[in-house]
C-alpha atoms as a PDB file:
ATOM      1  CA  UNK A   1      -0.151  -0.343   0.084  1.00  0.00           C
ATOM      2  CA  UNK A   2       1.234   3.652  -0.508  1.00  0.00           C
ATOM      3  CA  UNK A   3       1.665   6.114   1.688  1.00  0.00           C
ATOM      4  CA  UNK A   4       0.044   8.787  -0.575  1.00  0.00           C
ATOM      5  CA  UNK A   5      -2.842  10.666   0.131  1.00  0.00           C
ATOM      6  CA  UNK A   6      -6.614   9.147  -1.557  1.00  0.00           C
ATOM      7  CA  UNK A   7      -6.716  12.591  -3.303  1.00  0.00           C
ATOM      8  CA  UNK A   8      -2.855  12.364  -5.178  1.00  0.00           C
ATOM      9  CA  UNK A   9      -3.756   9.024  -6.304  1.00  0.00           C
ATOM     10  CA  UNK A  10      -7.146  10.042  -7.389  1.00  0.00           C
ATOM     11  CA  UNK A  11      -5.424  12.749  -9.311  1.00  0.00           C
ATOM     12  CA  UNK A  12      -2.855  10.049 -11.113  1.00  0.00           C
ATOM     13  CA  UNK A  13      -5.841   8.331 -11.926  1.00  0.00           C
ATOM     14  CA  UNK A  14      -8.098  10.884 -13.433  1.00  0.00           C
ATOM     15  CA  UNK A  15      -5.026  11.987 -15.386  1.00  0.00           C
ATOM     16  CA  UNK A  16      -3.991   8.680 -16.771  1.00  0.00           C
ATOM     17  CA  UNK A  17      -7.711   7.892 -17.793  1.00  0.00           C
ATOM     18  CA  UNK A  18      -7.767  11.751 -19.405  1.00  0.00           C
ATOM     19  CA  UNK A  19      -4.486  10.835 -21.503  1.00  0.00           C
ATOM     20  CA  UNK A  20      -5.990   7.873 -22.855  1.00  0.00           C
ATOM     21  CA  UNK A  21      -9.206   9.155 -23.701  1.00  0.00           C
ATOM     22  CA  UNK A  22      -7.337  12.305 -25.162  1.00  0.00           C
ATOM     23  CA  UNK A  23      -4.625  10.270 -27.190  1.00  0.00           C
ATOM     24  CA  UNK A  24      -7.855   8.088 -28.831  1.00  0.00           C
ATOM     25  CA  UNK A  25     -10.296  10.962 -28.953  1.00  0.00           C
ATOM     26  CA  UNK A  26     -10.434  11.113 -32.904  1.00  0.00           C
ATOM     27  CA  UNK A  27      -9.118   8.237 -33.642  1.00  0.00           C
ATOM     28  CA  UNK A  28     -11.283   4.887 -35.249  1.00  0.00           C
ATOM     29  CA  UNK A  29     -10.513   1.502 -34.537  1.00  0.00           C
ATOM     30  CA  UNK A  30      -8.319   0.886 -37.682  1.00  0.00           C
ATOM     31  CA  UNK A  31      -6.493   4.149 -37.087  1.00  0.00           C
ATOM     32  CA  UNK A  32      -5.629   3.061 -33.352  1.00  0.00           C
ATOM     33  CA  UNK A  33      -4.506  -0.180 -34.537  1.00  0.00           C
ATOM     34  CA  UNK A  34      -2.379   1.068 -36.985  1.00  0.00           C
ATOM     35  CA  UNK A  35      -0.526   3.703 -34.567  1.00  0.00           C
ATOM     36  CA  UNK A  36       1.977   1.868 -32.444  1.00  0.00           C
ATOM     37  CA  UNK A  37       2.632   4.982 -30.537  1.00  0.00           C
ATOM     38  CA  UNK A  38      -0.791   5.789 -29.621  1.00  0.00           C
ATOM     39  CA  UNK A  39      -1.549   1.877 -28.403  1.00  0.00           C
ATOM     40  CA  UNK A  40       1.842   1.871 -26.366  1.00  0.00           C
ATOM     41  CA  UNK A  41       0.792   5.107 -24.972  1.00  0.00           C
ATOM     42  CA  UNK A  42      -2.810   3.722 -23.919  1.00  0.00           C
ATOM     43  CA  UNK A  43      -1.460   0.648 -22.158  1.00  0.00           C
ATOM     44  CA  UNK A  44       1.137   2.762 -20.453  1.00  0.00           C
ATOM     45  CA  UNK A  45      -1.862   5.063 -19.175  1.00  0.00           C
ATOM     46  CA  UNK A  46      -3.991   1.907 -18.233  1.00  0.00           C
ATOM     47  CA  UNK A  47      -1.271   0.262 -16.112  1.00  0.00           C
ATOM     48  CA  UNK A  48      -0.875   3.402 -14.346  1.00  0.00           C
ATOM     49  CA  UNK A  49      -4.298   3.414 -13.624  1.00  0.00           C
ATOM     50  CA  UNK A  50      -4.394  -0.033 -12.493  1.00  0.00           C
ATOM     51  CA  UNK A  51      -1.105   0.408 -10.386  1.00  0.00           C
ATOM     52  CA  UNK A  52      -2.819   3.792  -8.678  1.00  0.00           C
ATOM     53  CA  UNK A  53      -5.771   1.667  -8.220  1.00  0.00           C
ATOM     54  CA  UNK A  54      -3.961  -0.920  -6.259  1.00  0.00           C
ATOM     55  CA  UNK A  55      -2.484   1.478  -4.309  1.00  0.00           C
ATOM     56  CA  UNK A  56      -5.557   3.204  -3.002  1.00  0.00           C
ATOM     57  CA  UNK A  57      -6.128   2.597   0.555  1.00  0.00           C
ATOM     58  CA  UNK A  58      -8.295  -0.060   1.468  1.00  0.00           C
ATOM     59  CA  UNK A  59     -10.516   1.935   3.375  1.00  0.00           C
ATOM     60  CA  UNK A  60     -11.351   4.258   0.504  1.00  0.00           C
ATOM     61  CA  UNK A  61     -11.600   1.295  -2.006  1.00  0.00           C
ATOM     62  CA  UNK A  62     -14.275  -0.287   0.537  1.00  0.00           C
ATOM     63  CA  UNK A  63     -16.471   3.091   0.850  1.00  0.00           C
ATOM     64  CA  UNK A  64     -16.547   3.656  -3.018  1.00  0.00           C
ATOM     65  CA  UNK A  65     -17.924  -0.069  -3.995  1.00  0.00           C
ATOM     66  CA  UNK A  66     -18.869   1.683  -7.479  1.00  0.00           C
ATOM     67  CA  UNK A  67     -15.567   2.076  -8.713  1.00  0.00           C
ATOM     68  CA  UNK A  68     -14.103  -0.854 -10.604  1.00  0.00           C
ATOM     69  CA  UNK A  69     -11.025  -1.040  -8.355  1.00  0.00           C
ATOM     70  CA  UNK A  70     -10.093  -5.084  -8.869  1.00  0.00           C
ATOM     71  CA  UNK A  71     -11.095  -4.754 -12.804  1.00  0.00           C
ATOM     72  CA  UNK A  72      -8.667  -1.758 -12.924  1.00  0.00           C
ATOM     73  CA  UNK A  73      -5.816  -3.651 -11.484  1.00  0.00           C
ATOM     74  CA  UNK A  74      -6.692  -6.715 -13.554  1.00  0.00           C
ATOM     75  CA  UNK A  75      -6.212  -5.024 -16.694  1.00  0.00           C
ATOM     76  CA  UNK A  76      -3.221  -3.795 -15.451  1.00  0.00           C
ATOM     77  CA  UNK A  77      -1.862  -7.174 -14.682  1.00  0.00           C
ATOM     78  CA  UNK A  78      -3.076  -8.199 -18.176  1.00  0.00           C
ATOM     79  CA  UNK A  79      -1.461  -5.679 -19.653  1.00  0.00           C
ATOM     80  CA  UNK A  80       2.065  -5.999 -17.854  1.00  0.00           C
ATOM     81  CA  UNK A  81       2.170  -9.910 -17.739  1.00  0.00           C
ATOM     82  CA  UNK A  82       0.477 -10.587 -20.669  1.00  0.00           C
ATOM     83  CA  UNK A  83       2.342  -8.139 -23.087  1.00  0.00           C
ATOM     84  CA  UNK A  84       2.439 -10.967 -25.882  1.00  0.00           C
ATOM     85  CA  UNK A  85      -1.108 -11.554 -26.169  1.00  0.00           C
ATOM     86  CA  UNK A  86      -2.754  -8.193 -25.647  1.00  0.00           C
ATOM     87  CA  UNK A  87      -6.196  -8.015 -27.334  1.00  0.00           C
ATOM     88  CA  UNK A  88      -6.593  -4.614 -28.616  1.00  0.00           C
ATOM     89  CA  UNK A  89     -10.573  -5.203 -29.616  1.00  0.00           C
ATOM     90  CA  UNK A  90     -10.933  -5.490 -25.200  1.00  0.00           C
ATOM     91  CA  UNK A  91      -8.535  -2.514 -24.962  1.00  0.00           C
ATOM     92  CA  UNK A  92     -10.431  -0.416 -27.617  1.00  0.00           C
ATOM     93  CA  UNK A  93     -13.942  -1.368 -25.711  1.00  0.00           C
ATOM     94  CA  UNK A  94     -12.465  -0.117 -22.239  1.00  0.00           C
ATOM     95  CA  UNK A  95     -11.623   2.919 -24.032  1.00  0.00           C
ATOM     96  CA  UNK A  96     -14.492   3.664 -25.846  1.00  0.00           C
ATOM     97  CA  UNK A  97     -17.400   2.096 -23.382  1.00  0.00           C
ATOM     98  CA  UNK A  98     -15.763   1.952 -19.289  1.00  0.00           C
ATOM     99  CA  UNK A  99     -13.152   5.306 -19.567  1.00  0.00           C
ATOM    100  CA  UNK A 100     -15.642   7.873 -20.066  1.00  0.00           C
ATOM    101  CA  UNK A 101     -18.141   6.918 -17.065  1.00  0.00           C
ATOM    102  CA  UNK A 102     -14.860   6.243 -15.020  1.00  0.00           C
ATOM    103  CA  UNK A 103     -13.297   9.431 -15.665  1.00  0.00           C
ATOM    104  CA  UNK A 104     -16.245  11.252 -14.390  1.00  0.00           C
ATOM    105  CA  UNK A 105     -16.640   9.019 -11.300  1.00  0.00           C
ATOM    106  CA  UNK A 106     -13.161   9.694 -10.428  1.00  0.00           C
ATOM    107  CA  UNK A 107     -13.360  13.279 -11.095  1.00  0.00           C
ATOM    108  CA  UNK A 108     -16.305  13.641  -8.759  1.00  0.00           C
ATOM    109  CA  UNK A 109     -14.290  11.486  -6.146  1.00  0.00           C
ATOM    110  CA  UNK A 110     -11.435  13.747  -6.472  1.00  0.00           C
ATOM    111  CA  UNK A 111     -13.292  16.781  -5.829  1.00  0.00           C
ATOM    112  CA  UNK A 112     -15.387  15.436  -3.158  1.00  0.00           C
ATOM    113  CA  UNK A 113     -11.714  14.364  -1.630  1.00  0.00           C
END
């Protein structure tokens, strides 16, 4: 567990999600697949997101069950340990279907902290 305050960890998470969304904002899936730099940047920010989620104090996590803490950590682990079998269709689905709502929820928590 980190000794960093939840607010600082939340800021790291908001920044990571924001970057992943920014990097892919105007891209189609085909464009995303064709751009290795963007894919690597997105992977990195999803790894940061999952690492930060894992460093959040347990009591904070328990107080906010609406945030998919375990899924963020599992995604991080899949990207780090399964680097050779990353399914970009799943990453794209996360970018388009999960990150927008997650971004809003994390920003809300940050503002409440």
